[in-house]
């Protein structure tokens, strides 16, 4: 198990390095000069050149990349070109909002999807199974930004059940402001998880060890919850772990539509302003979170399935 974790950590570091190099390359290919965005169109060429030298943008691309990694090893993610604040402090101040939004979306959508998928498998062919299948496909087909817009129009503007914009203050206030964004992000994952759990549960319920358990007289609830469900949720855990990247992209739309603070809104503003240090800092932190989520999903699978632990 320890060797497995070390291998995954080494792979995670390599993924982060490659992601930063590729992102840095793409940012430098985007039209626009951050010094002009910072100083304005009336800045003199001499002032623009001095600013480029101060920001290190006059150096070759590979030198800028190596400098960024060198600073990163010392815990320095750069400085915001507009405010002069540390990039690390800006990004880390916005990160909790996004993590809470994604975590709440995962928890409620996974819990509901597992229940629907398990019940559909136990009642296969019934009208409830058919209805659950239609509901799952329908939720998968609707993009998150469409759900966010309609949720905003119906529940905030029309019914006034939930606030339209902001993040709220205090525990209950933040929870109230979190309902609509979490609903918009998580609704499609209900369908994904339900379909995966249903297919996995149907396969396991027809397995030989489940038939053996029935032959020994075990109750159906004991078979489902003690033997079948623990294995049936493994594909769903993997799906959620690898799907964190999609949840981050969905969080961008939710944070912009609902005017919430977070990494997504910060990235959008930084890209529009050509604020390269903020963009690199956001992508670095996001990549680390995604890699860690994938690692955690693999460890959870190993914990739930003894066969995976033995293979490690």
Protein backbone atom coordinates (compact mmCIF):
# COMPACT_ATOMS: atom_id res chain seq x y z
CA UNK A 1 0.00 0.00 0.00
CA UNK A 2 2.81 2.40 0.88
CA UNK A 3 4.56 1.71 -2.44
CA UNK A 4 1.28 2.38 -4.26
CA UNK A 5 0.87 5.73 -2.50
CA UNK A 6 4.47 6.74 -3.27
CA UNK A 7 4.04 5.82 -6.94
CA UNK A 8 0.85 7.84 -7.16
CA UNK A 9 2.46 10.83 -5.46
CA UNK A 10 5.37 10.75 -7.91
CA UNK A 11 2.92 10.57 -10.80
CA UNK A 12 0.94 13.44 -9.28
CA UNK A 13 4.04 15.66 -9.15
CA UNK A 14 4.80 14.88 -12.80
CA UNK A 15 1.23 15.74 -13.80
CA UNK A 16 1.39 19.08 -11.98
CA UNK A 17 4.72 19.98 -13.65
CA UNK A 18 3.44 19.10 -17.13
CA UNK A 19 0.19 21.00 -16.56
CA UNK A 20 2.04 24.16 -15.51
CA UNK A 21 4.40 24.03 -18.49
CA UNK A 22 1.51 23.57 -20.93
CA UNK A 23 -0.53 26.32 -19.31
CA UNK A 24 2.40 28.71 -19.30
CA UNK A 25 2.88 28.00 -23.00
CA UNK A 26 -0.77 28.65 -23.83
CA UNK A 27 -0.87 31.85 -21.78
CA UNK A 28 2.07 33.29 -23.69
CA UNK A 29 0.34 32.47 -26.97
CA UNK A 30 -2.78 34.44 -25.99
CA UNK A 31 -2.89 37.89 -27.65
CA UNK A 32 -2.47 40.85 -25.34
CA UNK A 33 0.25 42.34 -23.18
CA UNK A 34 -0.33 42.30 -19.41
CA UNK A 35 1.78 45.44 -19.00
CA UNK A 36 -0.54 47.36 -21.34
CA UNK A 37 -3.55 46.03 -19.42
CA UNK A 38 -1.91 47.19 -16.20
CA UNK A 39 -0.68 50.61 -17.30
CA UNK A 40 -3.42 51.54 -19.76
CA UNK A 41 -3.28 52.65 -23.42
CA UNK A 42 -1.67 56.02 -22.59
CA UNK A 43 1.50 54.51 -21.11
CA UNK A 44 4.72 55.46 -22.84
CA UNK A 45 6.86 52.78 -24.51
CA UNK A 46 9.64 53.46 -21.98
CA UNK A 47 7.30 52.85 -19.03
CA UNK A 48 5.94 49.68 -20.66
CA UNK A 49 9.44 48.36 -21.20
CA UNK A 50 10.50 49.09 -17.60
CA UNK A 51 7.38 47.36 -16.32
CA UNK A 52 8.03 44.33 -18.50
CA UNK A 53 11.54 44.10 -17.08
CA UNK A 54 10.22 44.40 -13.51
CA UNK A 55 7.69 41.61 -14.16
CA UNK A 56 10.29 39.44 -15.88
CA UNK A 57 8.32 39.32 -19.15
CA UNK A 58 11.34 40.45 -21.17
CA UNK A 59 13.12 37.17 -20.47
CA UNK A 60 12.90 34.13 -22.76
CA UNK A 61 9.99 31.78 -22.20
CA UNK A 62 12.06 28.93 -20.78
CA UNK A 63 13.74 31.29 -18.31
CA UNK A 64 10.35 32.52 -17.08
CA UNK A 65 9.18 28.92 -16.65
CA UNK A 66 12.30 27.85 -14.74
CA UNK A 67 12.08 30.96 -12.59
CA UNK A 68 8.48 30.16 -11.73
CA UNK A 69 9.39 26.62 -10.65
CA UNK A 70 12.34 27.89 -8.63
CA UNK A 71 10.15 30.37 -6.79
CA UNK A 72 7.52 27.70 -6.30
CA UNK A 73 9.97 25.45 -4.49
CA UNK A 74 10.46 28.30 -2.01
CA UNK A 75 6.71 28.68 -1.57
CA UNK A 76 6.52 31.81 -3.72
CA UNK A 77 3.75 31.75 -6.34
CA UNK A 78 4.41 35.28 -7.55
CA UNK A 79 2.80 38.68 -7.07
CA UNK A 80 -0.47 40.03 -8.44
CA UNK A 81 0.42 42.60 -11.11
CA UNK A 82 -2.53 44.86 -10.19
CA UNK A 83 -2.61 44.85 -6.39
CA UNK A 84 0.93 43.82 -5.51
CA UNK A 85 -0.42 41.17 -3.12
CA UNK A 86 0.96 37.65 -2.90
CA UNK A 87 -0.67 35.28 -5.39
CA UNK A 88 -0.74 32.53 -2.75
CA UNK A 89 -2.75 34.66 -0.33
CA UNK A 90 -5.25 35.67 -3.04
CA UNK A 91 -5.77 32.13 -4.37
CA UNK A 92 -5.93 30.46 -0.96
CA UNK A 93 -8.46 33.03 0.25
CA UNK A 94 -10.81 32.07 -2.62
CA UNK A 95 -10.16 28.33 -2.60
CA UNK A 96 -12.41 27.42 0.40
CA UNK A 97 -15.50 28.83 -1.33
CA UNK A 98 -14.96 26.59 -4.35
CA UNK A 99 -14.04 23.51 -2.30
CA UNK A 100 -17.16 23.84 -0.15
CA UNK A 101 -19.33 24.26 -3.24
CA UNK A 102 -17.84 21.18 -4.92
CA UNK A 103 -17.93 19.09 -1.72
CA UNK A 104 -21.60 19.84 -1.07
CA UNK A 105 -22.45 19.10 -4.72
CA UNK A 106 -20.62 15.76 -4.56
CA UNK A 107 -22.16 14.67 -1.26
CA UNK A 108 -25.80 15.29 -2.11
CA UNK A 109 -25.60 14.12 -5.73
CA UNK A 110 -23.64 10.95 -4.87
CA UNK A 111 -25.96 10.07 -1.98
CA UNK A 112 -29.09 10.52 -4.08
CA UNK A 113 -27.55 8.81 -7.13
CA UNK A 114 -26.52 5.74 -5.10
CA UNK A 115 -30.01 5.42 -3.61
CA UNK A 116 -31.71 5.75 -7.01
CA UNK A 117 -29.28 3.36 -8.71
CA UNK A 118 -29.54 0.75 -5.97
CA UNK A 119 -33.34 0.89 -5.87
CA UNK A 120 -33.58 0.71 -9.66
CA UNK A 121 -31.43 -2.42 -9.68
CA UNK A 122 -33.54 -4.07 -6.98
CA UNK A 123 -36.76 -3.21 -8.88
CA UNK A 124 -35.43 -3.82 -12.37
CA UNK A 125 -38.04 -3.63 -15.11
CA UNK A 126 -40.62 -1.89 -12.92
CA UNK A 127 -42.17 1.47 -13.65
CA UNK A 128 -40.02 2.95 -10.90
CA UNK A 129 -36.92 1.64 -12.63
CA UNK A 130 -38.10 3.13 -15.93
CA UNK A 131 -38.89 6.46 -14.28
CA UNK A 132 -35.49 6.54 -12.58
CA UNK A 133 -33.81 5.81 -15.92
CA UNK A 134 -35.65 8.65 -17.63
CA UNK A 135 -34.83 10.99 -14.76
CA UNK A 136 -31.15 10.01 -14.83
CA UNK A 137 -30.77 10.55 -18.57
CA UNK A 138 -32.65 13.86 -18.33
CA UNK A 139 -30.35 15.23 -15.63
CA UNK A 140 -27.26 14.11 -17.53
CA UNK A 141 -28.43 15.89 -20.67
CA UNK A 142 -28.87 19.31 -19.04
CA UNK A 143 -25.65 21.40 -18.81
CA UNK A 144 -24.81 22.87 -15.43
CA UNK A 145 -24.91 26.48 -16.64
CA UNK A 146 -28.45 25.94 -17.96
CA UNK A 147 -29.50 24.55 -14.57
CA UNK A 148 -27.84 27.53 -12.90
CA UNK A 149 -29.69 30.05 -15.08
CA UNK A 150 -33.11 28.38 -14.70
CA UNK A 151 -32.55 27.84 -10.99
CA UNK A 152 -31.73 31.52 -10.64
CA UNK A 153 -34.80 32.59 -12.61
CA UNK A 154 -37.27 30.20 -10.96
CA UNK A 155 -36.19 29.86 -7.33
CA UNK A 156 -34.49 33.23 -6.78
CA UNK A 157 -36.24 35.71 -9.08
CA UNK A 158 -39.63 34.02 -9.40
CA UNK A 159 -40.32 32.31 -6.07
CA UNK A 160 -37.83 34.23 -3.90
CA UNK A 161 -36.95 31.05 -2.01
CA UNK A 162 -33.19 31.53 -2.24
CA UNK A 163 -30.87 34.53 -2.71
CA UNK A 164 -29.68 35.25 -6.22
CA UNK A 165 -26.09 36.39 -5.77
CA UNK A 166 -23.37 36.36 -3.15
CA UNK A 167 -22.04 33.85 -0.63
CA UNK A 168 -23.70 34.94 2.62
CA UNK A 169 -22.29 35.28 6.12
CA UNK A 170 -22.42 32.88 9.03
CA UNK A 171 -23.03 29.14 8.81
CA UNK A 172 -26.76 29.18 8.01
CA UNK A 173 -26.43 32.21 5.78
CA UNK A 174 -23.71 30.56 3.70
CA UNK A 175 -25.73 27.33 3.58
CA UNK A 176 -28.75 29.28 2.28
CA UNK A 177 -26.68 30.93 -0.45
CA UNK A 178 -25.10 27.58 -1.33
CA UNK A 179 -28.30 25.71 -2.23
CA UNK A 180 -28.82 26.93 -5.79
CA UNK A 181 -25.16 26.70 -6.95
CA UNK A 182 -24.78 23.23 -5.43
CA UNK A 183 -28.03 22.14 -7.07
CA UNK A 184 -26.90 23.44 -10.47
CA UNK A 185 -23.52 21.69 -10.29
CA UNK A 186 -24.63 18.40 -8.75
CA UNK A 187 -27.88 17.68 -10.60
CA UNK A 188 -26.24 16.05 -13.62
CA UNK A 189 -24.05 13.87 -11.39
CA UNK A 190 -27.16 12.30 -9.87
CA UNK A 191 -27.83 10.70 -13.24
CA UNK A 192 -24.22 9.64 -13.78
CA UNK A 193 -23.91 8.00 -10.38
CA UNK A 194 -27.35 6.38 -10.58
CA UNK A 195 -26.65 4.75 -13.96
CA UNK A 196 -23.21 3.52 -12.89
CA UNK A 197 -24.47 2.09 -9.57
CA UNK A 198 -27.46 0.44 -11.23
CA UNK A 199 -25.33 -1.30 -13.86
CA UNK A 200 -22.78 -2.41 -11.27
CA UNK A 201 -25.47 -3.59 -8.84
CA UNK A 202 -27.22 -5.67 -11.52
CA UNK A 203 -23.95 -7.38 -12.36
CA UNK A 204 -23.15 -8.11 -8.71
CA UNK A 205 -26.64 -9.38 -7.84
CA UNK A 206 -26.21 -12.06 -10.53
CA UNK A 207 -22.74 -13.05 -9.30
CA UNK A 208 -22.06 -16.50 -7.86
CA UNK A 209 -21.19 -15.32 -4.35
CA UNK A 210 -24.53 -13.49 -4.07
CA UNK A 211 -26.40 -16.60 -5.21
CA UNK A 212 -24.46 -18.57 -2.64
CA UNK A 213 -25.48 -16.10 0.06
CA UNK A 214 -29.13 -16.49 -0.91
CA UNK A 215 -28.75 -20.28 -0.84
CA UNK A 216 -27.49 -20.06 2.74
CA UNK A 217 -30.64 -18.15 3.70
CA UNK A 218 -29.28 -14.64 4.20
CA UNK A 219 -31.89 -11.91 4.04
CA UNK A 220 -32.05 -9.72 0.97
CA UNK A 221 -31.22 -6.58 2.97
CA UNK A 222 -28.14 -8.29 4.44
CA UNK A 223 -27.00 -9.33 0.97
CA UNK A 224 -27.56 -5.88 -0.53
CA UNK A 225 -25.96 -3.74 2.17
CA UNK A 226 -23.21 -6.08 3.40
CA UNK A 227 -22.05 -7.66 0.15
CA UNK A 228 -23.44 -6.09 -3.02
CA UNK A 229 -23.54 -2.36 -2.31
CA UNK A 230 -19.92 -2.08 -1.09
CA UNK A 231 -18.72 -3.43 -4.44
CA UNK A 232 -21.35 -1.66 -6.55
CA UNK A 233 -20.26 1.79 -5.38
CA UNK A 234 -16.64 1.27 -6.48
CA UNK A 235 -17.22 2.51 -10.06
CA UNK A 236 -19.13 5.49 -8.64
CA UNK A 237 -16.21 6.40 -6.37
CA UNK A 238 -13.84 6.26 -9.35
CA UNK A 239 -16.28 8.33 -11.42
CA UNK A 240 -16.48 11.02 -8.74
CA UNK A 241 -12.71 11.09 -8.24
CA UNK A 242 -12.00 11.57 -11.93
CA UNK A 243 -14.97 13.89 -12.34
CA UNK A 244 -13.67 16.56 -9.97
CA UNK A 245 -12.13 18.33 -12.97
CA UNK A 246 -15.61 18.64 -14.52
CA UNK A 247 -16.98 19.90 -11.21
CA UNK A 248 -14.32 22.62 -11.18
CA UNK A 249 -15.31 23.70 -14.69
CA UNK A 250 -18.97 23.70 -13.65
CA UNK A 251 -18.06 25.75 -10.58
CA UNK A 252 -16.69 28.46 -12.89
CA UNK A 253 -20.15 28.96 -14.43
CA UNK A 254 -21.90 28.79 -11.05
CA UNK A 255 -19.58 31.33 -9.45
CA UNK A 256 -19.94 33.74 -12.36
CA UNK A 257 -23.73 33.36 -12.67
CA UNK A 258 -24.38 33.64 -8.92
CA UNK A 259 -21.59 36.21 -8.38
CA UNK A 260 -19.94 33.99 -5.78
CA UNK A 261 -16.31 34.31 -4.73
CA UNK A 262 -14.09 31.37 -5.61
CA UNK A 263 -11.36 30.02 -7.85
CA UNK A 264 -13.60 29.97 -10.93
CA UNK A 265 -14.52 33.64 -10.79
CA UNK A 266 -10.91 34.50 -9.96
CA UNK A 267 -9.62 32.65 -13.05
CA UNK A 268 -12.16 34.34 -15.34
CA UNK A 269 -11.19 37.81 -14.12
CA UNK A 270 -7.47 37.02 -14.31
CA UNK A 271 -7.72 35.73 -17.89
CA UNK A 272 -9.65 38.82 -18.98
CA UNK A 273 -6.99 41.04 -17.38
CA UNK A 274 -4.06 38.95 -18.70
CA UNK A 275 -2.96 38.57 -15.08
CA UNK A 276 -0.61 35.63 -15.67
CA UNK A 277 0.58 35.10 -12.07
CA UNK A 278 -3.00 34.74 -10.79
CA UNK A 279 -3.93 32.37 -13.63
CA UNK A 280 -0.87 30.19 -12.99
CA UNK A 281 -1.53 30.17 -9.26
CA UNK A 282 -5.18 29.19 -9.72
CA UNK A 283 -4.37 26.41 -12.17
CA UNK A 284 -1.56 25.13 -9.94
CA UNK A 285 -3.85 24.86 -6.90
CA UNK A 286 -6.70 23.42 -8.97
CA UNK A 287 -4.44 20.77 -10.51
CA UNK A 288 -3.16 19.75 -7.08
CA UNK A 289 -6.72 19.41 -5.75
CA UNK A 290 -7.79 17.33 -8.77
CA UNK A 291 -4.77 15.03 -8.48
CA UNK A 292 -5.37 14.58 -4.75
CA UNK A 293 -9.05 13.81 -5.38
CA UNK A 294 -8.08 11.08 -7.84
CA UNK A 295 -5.60 9.66 -5.31
CA UNK A 296 -8.24 9.68 -2.56
CA UNK A 297 -10.74 7.87 -4.80
CA UNK A 298 -8.16 5.15 -5.50
CA UNK A 299 -7.45 4.76 -1.77
CA UNK A 300 -11.17 4.58 -0.98
CA UNK A 301 -11.59 1.87 -3.61
CA UNK A 302 -8.70 -0.05 -2.05
CA UNK A 303 -10.31 0.32 1.38
CA UNK A 304 -13.70 -0.91 0.17
CA UNK A 305 -12.42 -3.81 -1.95
CA UNK A 306 -9.92 -6.19 -0.30
CA UNK A 307 -8.95 -7.56 -3.72
CA UNK A 308 -7.46 -4.18 -4.66
CA UNK A 309 -5.51 -4.03 -1.40
CA UNK A 310 -4.08 -7.49 -2.05
CA UNK A 311 -3.07 -6.50 -5.60
CA UNK A 312 -1.10 -3.54 -4.20
